[in-house]
PDB file of N, CA and C in Angstrom:
ATOM      1  N   UNK A   1      14.566 -22.825 -11.445  1.00  0.00           N
ATOM      2  CA  UNK A   1      13.696 -22.834 -12.606  1.00  0.00           C
ATOM      3  C   UNK A   1      13.236 -24.264 -12.839  1.00  0.00           C
ATOM      4  N   UNK A   2      11.950 -24.425 -13.027  1.00  0.00           N
ATOM      5  CA  UNK A   2      11.402 -25.747 -13.333  1.00  0.00           C
ATOM      6  C   UNK A   2      10.704 -25.684 -14.670  1.00  0.00           C
ATOM      7  N   UNK A   3      10.605 -26.834 -15.299  1.00  0.00           N
ATOM      8  CA  UNK A   3       9.847 -26.893 -16.551  1.00  0.00           C
ATOM      9  C   UNK A   3       8.780 -27.960 -16.407  1.00  0.00           C
ATOM     10  N   UNK A   4       7.605 -27.644 -16.886  1.00  0.00           N
ATOM     11  CA  UNK A   4       6.508 -28.592 -16.836  1.00  0.00           C
ATOM     12  C   UNK A   4       6.454 -29.359 -18.137  1.00  0.00           C
ATOM     13  N   UNK A   5       6.147 -30.632 -18.017  1.00  0.00           N
ATOM     14  CA  UNK A   5       5.941 -31.444 -19.205  1.00  0.00           C
ATOM     15  C   UNK A   5       4.477 -31.322 -19.601  1.00  0.00           C
ATOM     16  N   UNK A   6       4.230 -30.936 -20.810  1.00  0.00           N
ATOM     17  CA  UNK A   6       2.864 -30.826 -21.303  1.00  0.00           C
ATOM     18  C   UNK A   6       2.481 -32.167 -21.898  1.00  0.00           C
ATOM     19  N   UNK A   7       1.396 -32.719 -21.393  1.00  0.00           N
ATOM     20  CA  UNK A   7       0.978 -33.998 -21.956  1.00  0.00           C
ATOM     21  C   UNK A   7      -0.115 -33.743 -22.983  1.00  0.00           C
ATOM     22  N   UNK A   8       0.029 -34.368 -24.098  1.00  0.00           N
ATOM     23  CA  UNK A   8      -0.905 -34.172 -25.216  1.00  0.00           C
ATOM     24  C   UNK A   8      -1.718 -35.423 -25.477  1.00  0.00           C
ATOM     25  N   UNK A   9      -1.913 -36.207 -24.461  1.00  0.00           N
ATOM     26  CA  UNK A   9      -2.620 -37.476 -24.623  1.00  0.00           C
ATOM     27  C   UNK A   9      -4.105 -37.272 -24.335  1.00  0.00           C
ATOM     28  N   UNK A  10      -4.718 -36.392 -25.105  1.00  0.00           N
ATOM     29  CA  UNK A  10      -6.118 -36.054 -24.907  1.00  0.00           C
ATOM     30  C   UNK A  10      -6.964 -36.501 -26.093  1.00  0.00           C
ATOM     31  N   UNK A  11      -8.255 -36.581 -25.834  1.00  0.00           N
ATOM     32  CA  UNK A  11      -9.214 -36.908 -26.879  1.00  0.00           C
ATOM     33  C   UNK A  11     -10.545 -36.297 -26.457  1.00  0.00           C
ATOM     34  N   UNK A  12     -11.304 -35.834 -27.428  1.00  0.00           N
ATOM     35  CA  UNK A  12     -12.647 -35.309 -27.152  1.00  0.00           C
ATOM     36  C   UNK A  12     -13.672 -36.244 -27.767  1.00  0.00           C
ATOM     37  N   UNK A  13     -14.737 -36.537 -26.991  1.00  0.00           N
ATOM     38  CA  UNK A  13     -15.785 -37.420 -27.487  1.00  0.00           C
ATOM     39  C   UNK A  13     -17.154 -36.874 -27.107  1.00  0.00           C
ATOM     40  N   UNK A  14     -18.150 -37.282 -27.887  1.00  0.00           N
ATOM     41  CA  UNK A  14     -19.550 -37.002 -27.578  1.00  0.00           C
ATOM     42  C   UNK A  14     -20.258 -38.339 -27.458  1.00  0.00           C
ATOM     43  N   UNK A  15     -21.041 -38.463 -26.397  1.00  0.00           N
ATOM     44  CA  UNK A  15     -21.844 -39.670 -26.194  1.00  0.00           C
ATOM     45  C   UNK A  15     -23.227 -39.480 -26.802  1.00  0.00           C
ATOM     46  N   UNK A  16     -23.857 -40.587 -27.175  1.00  0.00           N
ATOM     47  CA  UNK A  16     -25.220 -40.524 -27.702  1.00  0.00           C
ATOM     48  C   UNK A  16     -26.166 -40.058 -26.600  1.00  0.00           C
ATOM     49  N   UNK A  17     -27.290 -39.524 -26.995  1.00  0.00           N
ATOM     50  CA  UNK A  17     -28.286 -39.050 -26.029  1.00  0.00           C
ATOM     51  C   UNK A  17     -28.850 -40.194 -25.207  1.00  0.00           C
ATOM     52  N   UNK A  18     -28.791 -41.413 -25.732  1.00  0.00           N
ATOM     53  CA  UNK A  18     -29.330 -42.579 -25.039  1.00  0.00           C
ATOM     54  C   UNK A  18     -28.365 -43.148 -24.001  1.00  0.00           C
ATOM     55  N   UNK A  19     -27.117 -42.710 -24.008  1.00  0.00           N
ATOM     56  CA  UNK A  19     -26.121 -43.242 -23.070  1.00  0.00           C
ATOM     57  C   UNK A  19     -26.448 -42.784 -21.650  1.00  0.00           C
ATOM     58  N   UNK A  20     -26.392 -43.715 -20.729  1.00  0.00           N
ATOM     59  CA  UNK A  20     -26.614 -43.360 -19.325  1.00  0.00           C
ATOM     60  C   UNK A  20     -25.288 -42.920 -18.711  1.00  0.00           C
ATOM     61  N   UNK A  21     -25.391 -42.226 -17.606  1.00  0.00           N
ATOM     62  CA  UNK A  21     -24.199 -41.789 -16.883  1.00  0.00           C
ATOM     63  C   UNK A  21     -23.356 -42.998 -16.480  1.00  0.00           C
ATOM     64  N   UNK A  22     -24.005 -44.050 -16.035  1.00  0.00           N
ATOM     65  CA  UNK A  22     -23.282 -45.262 -15.622  1.00  0.00           C
ATOM     66  C   UNK A  22     -22.527 -45.880 -16.794  1.00  0.00           C
ATOM     67  N   UNK A  23     -23.151 -45.923 -17.970  1.00  0.00           N
ATOM     68  CA  UNK A  23     -22.479 -46.474 -19.159  1.00  0.00           C
ATOM     69  C   UNK A  23     -21.268 -45.636 -19.545  1.00  0.00           C
ATOM     70  N   UNK A  24     -21.431 -44.319 -19.508  1.00  0.00           N
ATOM     71  CA  UNK A  24     -20.325 -43.432 -19.865  1.00  0.00           C
ATOM     72  C   UNK A  24     -19.157 -43.603 -18.895  1.00  0.00           C
ATOM     73  N   UNK A  25     -19.439 -43.598 -17.615  1.00  0.00           N
ATOM     74  CA  UNK A  25     -18.384 -43.735 -16.600  1.00  0.00           C
ATOM     75  C   UNK A  25     -17.685 -45.089 -16.702  1.00  0.00           C
ATOM     76  N   UNK A  26     -18.462 -46.145 -16.915  1.00  0.00           N
ATOM     77  CA  UNK A  26     -17.898 -47.485 -17.037  1.00  0.00           C
ATOM     78  C   UNK A  26     -16.946 -47.558 -18.229  1.00  0.00           C
ATOM     79  N   UNK A  27     -17.346 -46.985 -19.363  1.00  0.00           N
ATOM     80  CA  UNK A  27     -16.503 -46.991 -20.548  1.00  0.00           C
ATOM     81  C   UNK A  27     -15.216 -46.204 -20.303  1.00  0.00           C
ATOM     82  N   UNK A  28     -15.335 -45.032 -19.724  1.00  0.00           N
ATOM     83  CA  UNK A  28     -14.152 -44.197 -19.465  1.00  0.00           C
ATOM     84  C   UNK A  28     -13.189 -44.910 -18.519  1.00  0.00           C
ATOM     85  N   UNK A  29     -13.715 -45.535 -17.472  1.00  0.00           N
ATOM     86  CA  UNK A  29     -12.853 -46.290 -16.548  1.00  0.00           C
ATOM     87  C   UNK A  29     -12.177 -47.455 -17.256  1.00  0.00           C
ATOM     88  N   UNK A  30     -12.907 -48.134 -18.141  1.00  0.00           N
ATOM     89  CA  UNK A  30     -12.330 -49.289 -18.839  1.00  0.00           C
ATOM     90  C   UNK A  30     -11.183 -48.879 -19.760  1.00  0.00           C
ATOM     91  N   UNK A  31     -11.185 -47.622 -20.181  1.00  0.00           N
ATOM     92  CA  UNK A  31     -10.122 -47.103 -21.048  1.00  0.00           C
ATOM     93  C   UNK A  31      -8.939 -46.582 -20.245  1.00  0.00           C
ATOM     94  N   UNK A  32      -9.052 -46.601 -18.941  1.00  0.00           N
ATOM     95  CA  UNK A  32      -8.040 -46.046 -18.042  1.00  0.00           C
ATOM     96  C   UNK A  32      -7.816 -44.564 -18.360  1.00  0.00           C
ATOM     97  N   UNK A  33      -8.944 -43.870 -18.571  1.00  0.00           N
ATOM     98  CA  UNK A  33      -8.917 -42.448 -18.925  1.00  0.00           C
ATOM     99  C   UNK A  33      -9.504 -41.637 -17.780  1.00  0.00           C
ATOM    100  N   UNK A  34      -9.300 -40.335 -17.859  1.00  0.00           N
ATOM    101  CA  UNK A  34      -9.818 -39.398 -16.870  1.00  0.00           C
ATOM    102  C   UNK A  34     -10.517 -38.267 -17.604  1.00  0.00           C
ATOM    103  N   UNK A  35     -11.706 -37.900 -17.137  1.00  0.00           N
ATOM    104  CA  UNK A  35     -12.393 -36.728 -17.693  1.00  0.00           C
ATOM    105  C   UNK A  35     -11.720 -35.490 -17.128  1.00  0.00           C
ATOM    106  N   UNK A  36     -11.222 -34.633 -18.012  1.00  0.00           N
ATOM    107  CA  UNK A  36     -10.598 -33.397 -17.538  1.00  0.00           C
ATOM    108  C   UNK A  36     -11.425 -32.164 -17.881  1.00  0.00           C
ATOM    109  N   UNK A  37     -12.441 -32.335 -18.739  1.00  0.00           N
ATOM    110  CA  UNK A  37     -13.344 -31.230 -19.066  1.00  0.00           C
ATOM    111  C   UNK A  37     -14.622 -31.803 -19.648  1.00  0.00           C
ATOM    112  N   UNK A  38     -15.698 -31.083 -19.419  1.00  0.00           N
ATOM    113  CA  UNK A  38     -16.937 -31.449 -20.070  1.00  0.00           C
ATOM    114  C   UNK A  38     -18.003 -31.886 -19.080  1.00  0.00           C
ATOM    115  N   UNK A  39     -19.173 -32.019 -19.638  1.00  0.00           N
ATOM    116  CA  UNK A  39     -19.463 -31.822 -21.050  1.00  0.00           C
ATOM    117  C   UNK A  39     -19.510 -30.342 -21.418  1.00  0.00           C
ATOM    118  N   UNK A  40     -19.067 -30.056 -22.630  1.00  0.00           N
ATOM    119  CA  UNK A  40     -19.108 -28.681 -23.130  1.00  0.00           C
ATOM    120  C   UNK A  40     -20.544 -28.343 -23.526  1.00  0.00           C
ATOM    121  N   UNK A  41     -20.750 -27.146 -23.997  1.00  0.00           N
ATOM    122  CA  UNK A  41     -22.086 -26.711 -24.404  1.00  0.00           C
ATOM    123  C   UNK A  41     -22.670 -27.594 -25.501  1.00  0.00           C
ATOM    124  N   UNK A  42     -21.813 -28.176 -26.320  1.00  0.00           N
ATOM    125  CA  UNK A  42     -22.319 -29.056 -27.386  1.00  0.00           C
ATOM    126  C   UNK A  42     -22.105 -30.528 -27.061  1.00  0.00           C
ATOM    127  N   UNK A  43     -21.659 -30.817 -25.837  1.00  0.00           N
ATOM    128  CA  UNK A  43     -21.615 -32.201 -25.384  1.00  0.00           C
ATOM    129  C   UNK A  43     -20.271 -32.902 -25.382  1.00  0.00           C
ATOM    130  N   UNK A  44     -19.200 -32.209 -25.744  1.00  0.00           N
ATOM    131  CA  UNK A  44     -17.889 -32.860 -25.759  1.00  0.00           C
ATOM    132  C   UNK A  44     -17.347 -33.074 -24.351  1.00  0.00           C
ATOM    133  N   UNK A  45     -16.810 -34.267 -24.126  1.00  0.00           N
ATOM    134  CA  UNK A  45     -16.011 -34.563 -22.940  1.00  0.00           C
ATOM    135  C   UNK A  45     -14.563 -34.638 -23.407  1.00  0.00           C
ATOM    136  N   UNK A  46     -13.654 -34.072 -22.640  1.00  0.00           N
ATOM    137  CA  UNK A  46     -12.234 -34.199 -22.941  1.00  0.00           C
ATOM    138  C   UNK A  46     -11.649 -35.231 -21.980  1.00  0.00           C
ATOM    139  N   UNK A  47     -11.013 -36.239 -22.568  1.00  0.00           N
ATOM    140  CA  UNK A  47     -10.404 -37.314 -21.789  1.00  0.00           C
ATOM    141  C   UNK A  47      -8.893 -37.198 -21.844  1.00  0.00           C
ATOM    142  N   UNK A  48      -8.243 -37.563 -20.742  1.00  0.00           N
ATOM    143  CA  UNK A  48      -6.785 -37.577 -20.697  1.00  0.00           C
ATOM    144  C   UNK A  48      -6.333 -39.007 -20.446  1.00  0.00           C
ATOM    145  N   UNK A  49      -5.259 -39.384 -21.154  1.00  0.00           N
ATOM    146  CA  UNK A  49      -4.661 -40.713 -21.037  1.00  0.00           C
ATOM    147  C   UNK A  49      -3.229 -40.566 -20.548  1.00  0.00           C
ATOM    148  N   UNK A  50      -2.727 -41.591 -19.899  1.00  0.00           N
ATOM    149  CA  UNK A  50      -1.374 -41.553 -19.344  1.00  0.00           C
ATOM    150  C   UNK A  50      -0.289 -41.632 -20.420  1.00  0.00           C
ATOM    151  N   UNK A  51      -0.634 -42.137 -21.593  1.00  0.00           N
ATOM    152  CA  UNK A  51       0.363 -42.259 -22.656  1.00  0.00           C
ATOM    153  C   UNK A  51      -0.322 -42.190 -24.014  1.00  0.00           C
ATOM    154  N   UNK A  52       0.471 -41.944 -25.031  1.00  0.00           N
ATOM    155  CA  UNK A  52      -0.055 -41.925 -26.397  1.00  0.00           C
ATOM    156  C   UNK A  52      -0.508 -43.324 -26.802  1.00  0.00           C
ATOM    157  N   UNK A  53       0.173 -44.326 -26.325  1.00  0.00           N
ATOM    158  CA  UNK A  53      -0.214 -45.713 -26.631  1.00  0.00           C
ATOM    159  C   UNK A  53      -1.615 -46.021 -26.096  1.00  0.00           C
ATOM    160  N   UNK A  54      -1.886 -45.613 -24.867  1.00  0.00           N
ATOM    161  CA  UNK A  54      -3.225 -45.822 -24.300  1.00  0.00           C
ATOM    162  C   UNK A  54      -4.277 -45.033 -25.067  1.00  0.00           C
ATOM    163  N   UNK A  55      -3.933 -43.822 -25.490  1.00  0.00           N
ATOM    164  CA  UNK A  55      -4.885 -43.012 -26.266  1.00  0.00           C
ATOM    165  C   UNK A  55      -5.227 -43.692 -27.582  1.00  0.00           C
ATOM    166  N   UNK A  56      -4.219 -44.228 -28.252  1.00  0.00           N
ATOM    167  CA  UNK A  56      -4.449 -44.915 -29.531  1.00  0.00           C
ATOM    168  C   UNK A  56      -5.278 -46.173 -29.347  1.00  0.00           C
ATOM    169  N   UNK A  57      -5.012 -46.923 -28.287  1.00  0.00           N
ATOM    170  CA  UNK A  57      -5.803 -48.122 -27.998  1.00  0.00           C
ATOM    171  C   UNK A  57      -7.257 -47.746 -27.731  1.00  0.00           C
ATOM    172  N   UNK A  58      -7.463 -46.667 -26.984  1.00  0.00           N
ATOM    173  CA  UNK A  58      -8.809 -46.203 -26.671  1.00  0.00           C
ATOM    174  C   UNK A  58      -9.548 -45.780 -27.935  1.00  0.00           C
ATOM    175  N   UNK A  59      -8.853 -45.148 -28.843  1.00  0.00           N
ATOM    176  CA  UNK A  59      -9.465 -44.707 -30.099  1.00  0.00           C
ATOM    177  C   UNK A  59     -10.059 -45.895 -30.851  1.00  0.00           C
ATOM    178  N   UNK A  60      -9.321 -46.987 -30.925  1.00  0.00           N
ATOM    179  CA  UNK A  60      -9.828 -48.188 -31.602  1.00  0.00           C
ATOM    180  C   UNK A  60     -11.082 -48.722 -30.912  1.00  0.00           C
ATOM    181  N   UNK A  61     -11.076 -48.725 -29.592  1.00  0.00           N
ATOM    182  CA  UNK A  61     -12.230 -49.215 -28.835  1.00  0.00           C
ATOM    183  C   UNK A  61     -13.424 -48.285 -29.022  1.00  0.00           C
ATOM    184  N   UNK A  62     -13.205 -46.987 -28.916  1.00  0.00           N
ATOM    185  CA  UNK A  62     -14.301 -46.027 -29.011  1.00  0.00           C
ATOM    186  C   UNK A  62     -14.983 -46.040 -30.371  1.00  0.00           C
ATOM    187  N   UNK A  63     -14.237 -46.314 -31.405  1.00  0.00           N
ATOM    188  CA  UNK A  63     -14.827 -46.355 -32.752  1.00  0.00           C
ATOM    189  C   UNK A  63     -15.894 -47.437 -32.876  1.00  0.00           C
ATOM    190  N   UNK A  64     -15.817 -48.463 -32.047  1.00  0.00           N
ATOM    191  CA  UNK A  64     -16.804 -49.548 -32.121  1.00  0.00           C
ATOM    192  C   UNK A  64     -17.898 -49.425 -31.077  1.00  0.00           C
ATOM    193  N   UNK A  65     -17.842 -48.418 -30.246  1.00  0.00           N
ATOM    194  CA  UNK A  65     -18.834 -48.240 -29.177  1.00  0.00           C
ATOM    195  C   UNK A  65     -20.089 -47.561 -29.709  1.00  0.00           C
ATOM    196  N   UNK A  66     -21.241 -48.177 -29.431  1.00  0.00           N
ATOM    197  CA  UNK A  66     -22.514 -47.633 -29.873  1.00  0.00           C
ATOM    198  C   UNK A  66     -22.873 -46.324 -29.152  1.00  0.00           C
ATOM    199  N   UNK A  67     -22.368 -46.140 -27.938  1.00  0.00           N
ATOM    200  CA  UNK A  67     -22.754 -44.942 -27.179  1.00  0.00           C
ATOM    201  C   UNK A  67     -21.896 -43.728 -27.490  1.00  0.00           C
ATOM    202  N   UNK A  68     -20.903 -43.874 -28.359  1.00  0.00           N
ATOM    203  CA  UNK A  68     -20.049 -42.752 -28.747  1.00  0.00           C
ATOM    204  C   UNK A  68     -20.433 -42.312 -30.157  1.00  0.00           C
ATOM    205  N   UNK A  69     -20.770 -41.027 -30.300  1.00  0.00           N
ATOM    206  CA  UNK A  69     -21.217 -40.554 -31.605  1.00  0.00           C
ATOM    207  C   UNK A  69     -20.173 -39.727 -32.352  1.00  0.00           C
ATOM    208  N   UNK A  70     -19.212 -39.157 -31.615  1.00  0.00           N
ATOM    209  CA  UNK A  70     -18.172 -38.361 -32.273  1.00  0.00           C
ATOM    210  C   UNK A  70     -16.877 -38.437 -31.478  1.00  0.00           C
ATOM    211  N   UNK A  71     -15.766 -38.494 -32.218  1.00  0.00           N
ATOM    212  CA  UNK A  71     -14.440 -38.546 -31.605  1.00  0.00           C
ATOM    213  C   UNK A  71     -13.555 -37.522 -32.300  1.00  0.00           C
ATOM    214  N   UNK A  72     -12.818 -36.760 -31.513  1.00  0.00           N
ATOM    215  CA  UNK A  72     -11.855 -35.798 -32.065  1.00  0.00           C
ATOM    216  C   UNK A  72     -10.528 -35.986 -31.387  1.00  0.00           C
TER     217      UNK A  72
END
């Protein structure tokens, strides 16, 4: 019997319509994040982080980014 560890280090974001693919990818890489879903029908990307600490650090950075319009 094995048990899987569920990681909850996720965040959903929406980029502005003016954001280029290169800008979005560069930002995600700089956060050391991985896209695991998206974009959804309404534009959400789901990002995964290796730790809760990295997720919290990314949240602070994303709040100041002009190309990010919504964070969940």
